[in-house]
Amino acid sequence: MANSAGGYYPPVGFHFKVEFVGLGNDNDTRFQSVAGLNMEYDVETFKEGGENRFEHKLPGRTKYADLSLKRGMLKDSSVIEWVTGILRDRDFVNYKPATVHVHLLNEKHETLRLWEFIDAWPKKWTISDLNAQENSLVVETLDLVFKYFKVK
């Protein structure tokens, strides 16, 4: 990304794609929002005898939020076939956990940052309410759990 006027301009948050490695087609990369790109420590406290001014705080395990993906509902989606295979049929033999890539893209559609989610599987799949009094798209929300993610 070129510097302009001596400054740095952060990337925009609306140009991204989601890739289910080994699953999906071109339509399966298009989502309207991605949430859950965060991690934090569990913190364990340790009280030292005779020291009443503070508690020692030690890092515990790393915690990850669920990855939440939203998009307009697709009729033909191998990702949703994978989701229903796991959620409805409980078929972890034919439908394995997936690696999911979230690409933040620049104006040339090149990856600026990549988040790689390891061993992701669907926890919840939601279809928005159908309401004859509203003029809105049908939106599906997919919540995934995973072991961890890497930033590349």
Protein backbone atom coordinates (compact mmCIF):
# COMPACT_ATOMS: atom_id res chain seq x y z
CA MET A 1 0.00 0.00 0.00
CA ALA A 2 1.51 3.32 -1.04
CA ASN A 3 2.08 6.08 1.46
CA SER A 4 0.36 9.32 0.54
CA ALA A 5 1.01 12.77 2.01
CA GLY A 6 3.64 11.26 4.30
CA GLY A 7 1.09 9.17 6.19
CA TYR A 8 -0.23 5.68 6.53
CA TYR A 9 -3.83 4.87 5.72
CA PRO A 10 -5.23 1.79 7.43
CA PRO A 11 -7.01 -0.78 5.25
CA VAL A 12 -10.78 -0.74 4.87
CA GLY A 13 -12.80 -3.35 6.72
CA PHE A 14 -15.33 -4.06 3.99
CA HIS A 15 -13.04 -5.71 1.41
CA PHE A 16 -12.52 -9.32 2.48
CA LYS A 17 -13.26 -12.89 1.53
CA VAL A 18 -13.76 -16.10 3.49
CA GLU A 19 -12.35 -19.36 2.17
CA PHE A 20 -13.24 -22.83 3.42
CA VAL A 21 -10.18 -24.80 2.31
CA GLY A 22 -11.30 -27.77 0.21
CA LEU A 23 -14.97 -26.75 0.37
CA GLY A 24 -17.13 -24.32 -1.48
CA ASN A 25 -17.22 -22.50 -4.74
CA ASP A 26 -16.73 -18.83 -5.62
CA ASN A 27 -20.06 -17.86 -4.05
CA ASP A 28 -19.03 -19.51 -0.77
CA THR A 29 -16.32 -16.85 -0.28
CA ARG A 30 -18.79 -13.95 -0.14
CA PHE A 31 -19.95 -12.94 3.32
CA GLN A 32 -21.35 -9.63 4.50
CA SER A 33 -19.70 -9.74 7.93
CA VAL A 34 -17.09 -11.61 9.93
CA ALA A 35 -16.96 -11.38 13.73
CA GLY A 36 -14.84 -13.11 16.35
CA LEU A 37 -11.31 -12.15 15.29
CA ASN A 38 -10.04 -11.93 18.84
CA MET A 39 -8.16 -13.86 21.47
CA GLU A 40 -7.43 -13.32 25.14
CA TYR A 41 -5.91 -15.00 28.18
CA ASP A 42 -7.76 -16.51 31.06
CA VAL A 43 -6.17 -14.79 34.03
CA GLU A 44 -5.38 -16.64 37.23
CA THR A 45 -4.85 -14.67 40.41
CA PHE A 46 -2.41 -15.60 43.14
CA LYS A 47 -2.60 -14.06 46.61
CA GLU A 48 0.72 -13.75 48.38
CA GLY A 49 0.64 -14.10 52.14
CA GLY A 50 1.41 -10.81 53.91
CA GLU A 51 0.97 -8.75 50.73
CA ASN A 52 -2.41 -6.98 50.83
CA ARG A 53 -1.79 -4.24 48.25
CA PHE A 54 -2.31 -6.41 45.16
CA GLU A 55 -2.80 -9.90 43.77
CA HIS A 56 -0.39 -11.48 41.33
CA LYS A 57 -2.04 -12.06 37.96
CA LEU A 58 -0.74 -14.89 35.81
CA PRO A 59 -1.66 -15.80 32.23
CA GLY A 60 -3.71 -18.98 31.89
CA ARG A 61 -5.08 -20.56 28.73
CA THR A 62 -5.73 -18.62 25.58
CA LYS A 63 -9.44 -18.20 24.77
CA TYR A 64 -10.95 -17.63 21.35
CA ALA A 65 -14.39 -16.26 20.53
CA ASP A 66 -16.57 -18.17 18.06
CA LEU A 67 -16.14 -17.14 14.44
CA SER A 68 -19.46 -15.70 13.23
CA LEU A 69 -20.11 -15.36 9.49
CA LYS A 70 -23.15 -13.70 7.91
CA ARG A 71 -24.31 -13.63 4.30
CA GLY A 72 -27.36 -13.67 2.08
CA MET A 73 -28.73 -17.20 1.86
CA LEU A 74 -27.41 -19.33 -1.01
CA LYS A 75 -29.42 -22.11 -2.64
CA ASP A 76 -26.39 -24.09 -3.83
CA SER A 77 -23.62 -24.11 -1.24
CA SER A 78 -21.22 -26.92 -0.42
CA VAL A 79 -20.39 -25.09 2.83
CA ILE A 80 -24.01 -25.39 3.95
CA GLU A 81 -24.01 -29.05 2.86
CA TRP A 82 -20.98 -29.49 5.17
CA VAL A 83 -22.79 -27.61 7.96
CA THR A 84 -25.96 -29.68 7.74
CA GLY A 85 -23.92 -32.88 7.45
CA ILE A 86 -22.35 -32.13 10.81
CA LEU A 87 -25.27 -30.45 12.63
CA ARG A 88 -28.20 -32.51 11.40
CA ASP A 89 -26.60 -35.85 10.65
CA ARG A 90 -23.79 -35.66 13.27
CA ASP A 91 -21.59 -37.13 10.55
CA PHE A 92 -17.99 -36.38 11.58
CA VAL A 93 -16.80 -39.31 9.45
CA ASN A 94 -17.69 -37.87 6.04
CA TYR A 95 -17.67 -34.21 7.10
CA LYS A 96 -14.39 -33.34 8.79
CA PRO A 97 -13.52 -30.07 10.58
CA ALA A 98 -12.31 -27.48 8.09
CA THR A 99 -9.54 -24.93 7.83
CA VAL A 100 -11.07 -21.49 7.27
CA HIS A 101 -9.15 -18.52 5.86
CA VAL A 102 -10.33 -14.94 6.29
CA HIS A 103 -8.48 -12.67 3.84
CA LEU A 104 -8.40 -8.90 4.29
CA LEU A 105 -7.92 -7.53 0.76
CA ASN A 106 -6.43 -4.36 -0.71
CA GLU A 107 -7.73 -2.38 -3.68
CA LYS A 108 -6.01 -4.85 -6.06
CA HIS A 109 -7.79 -7.81 -4.39
CA GLU A 110 -4.46 -8.98 -2.89
CA THR A 111 -4.31 -10.37 0.64
CA LEU A 112 -3.07 -7.84 3.20
CA ARG A 113 -3.68 -10.04 6.23
CA LEU A 114 -4.77 -13.65 6.57
CA TRP A 115 -6.40 -15.27 9.59
CA GLU A 116 -6.23 -19.08 9.46
CA PHE A 117 -8.71 -20.92 11.68
CA ILE A 118 -7.67 -24.49 12.47
CA ASP A 119 -10.15 -27.41 12.78
CA ALA A 120 -13.31 -25.29 12.54
CA TRP A 121 -16.71 -26.92 12.80
CA PRO A 122 -20.23 -25.49 12.93
CA LYS A 123 -21.78 -24.81 16.32
CA LYS A 124 -24.89 -23.00 15.09
CA TRP A 125 -26.59 -22.12 11.81
CA THR A 126 -29.37 -19.53 11.79
CA ILE A 127 -31.67 -18.26 9.06
CA SER A 128 -33.18 -14.80 9.58
CA ASP A 129 -36.90 -14.47 10.24
CA LEU A 130 -39.24 -14.49 7.27
CA ASN A 131 -41.58 -11.52 7.54
CA ALA A 132 -44.09 -10.43 4.88
CA GLN A 133 -44.10 -6.87 6.31
CA GLU A 134 -40.39 -6.27 5.73
CA ASN A 135 -38.41 -5.81 2.54
CA SER A 136 -35.21 -7.58 3.54
CA LEU A 137 -32.88 -10.31 2.37
CA VAL A 138 -32.82 -13.74 3.94
CA VAL A 139 -29.56 -13.82 5.91
CA GLU A 140 -27.86 -16.94 7.18
CA THR A 141 -25.51 -16.78 10.15
CA LEU A 142 -22.91 -19.47 10.69
CA ASP A 143 -21.12 -19.73 14.06
CA LEU A 144 -17.97 -21.83 14.04
CA VAL A 145 -15.79 -23.08 16.87
CA PHE A 146 -12.14 -23.91 16.28
CA LYS A 147 -8.97 -24.92 18.09
CA TYR A 148 -6.97 -21.74 17.44
CA PHE A 149 -6.12 -19.27 14.74
CA LYS A 150 -2.91 -17.95 13.20
CA VAL A 151 -2.37 -14.48 11.78
CA LYS A 152 -0.26 -14.40 8.63
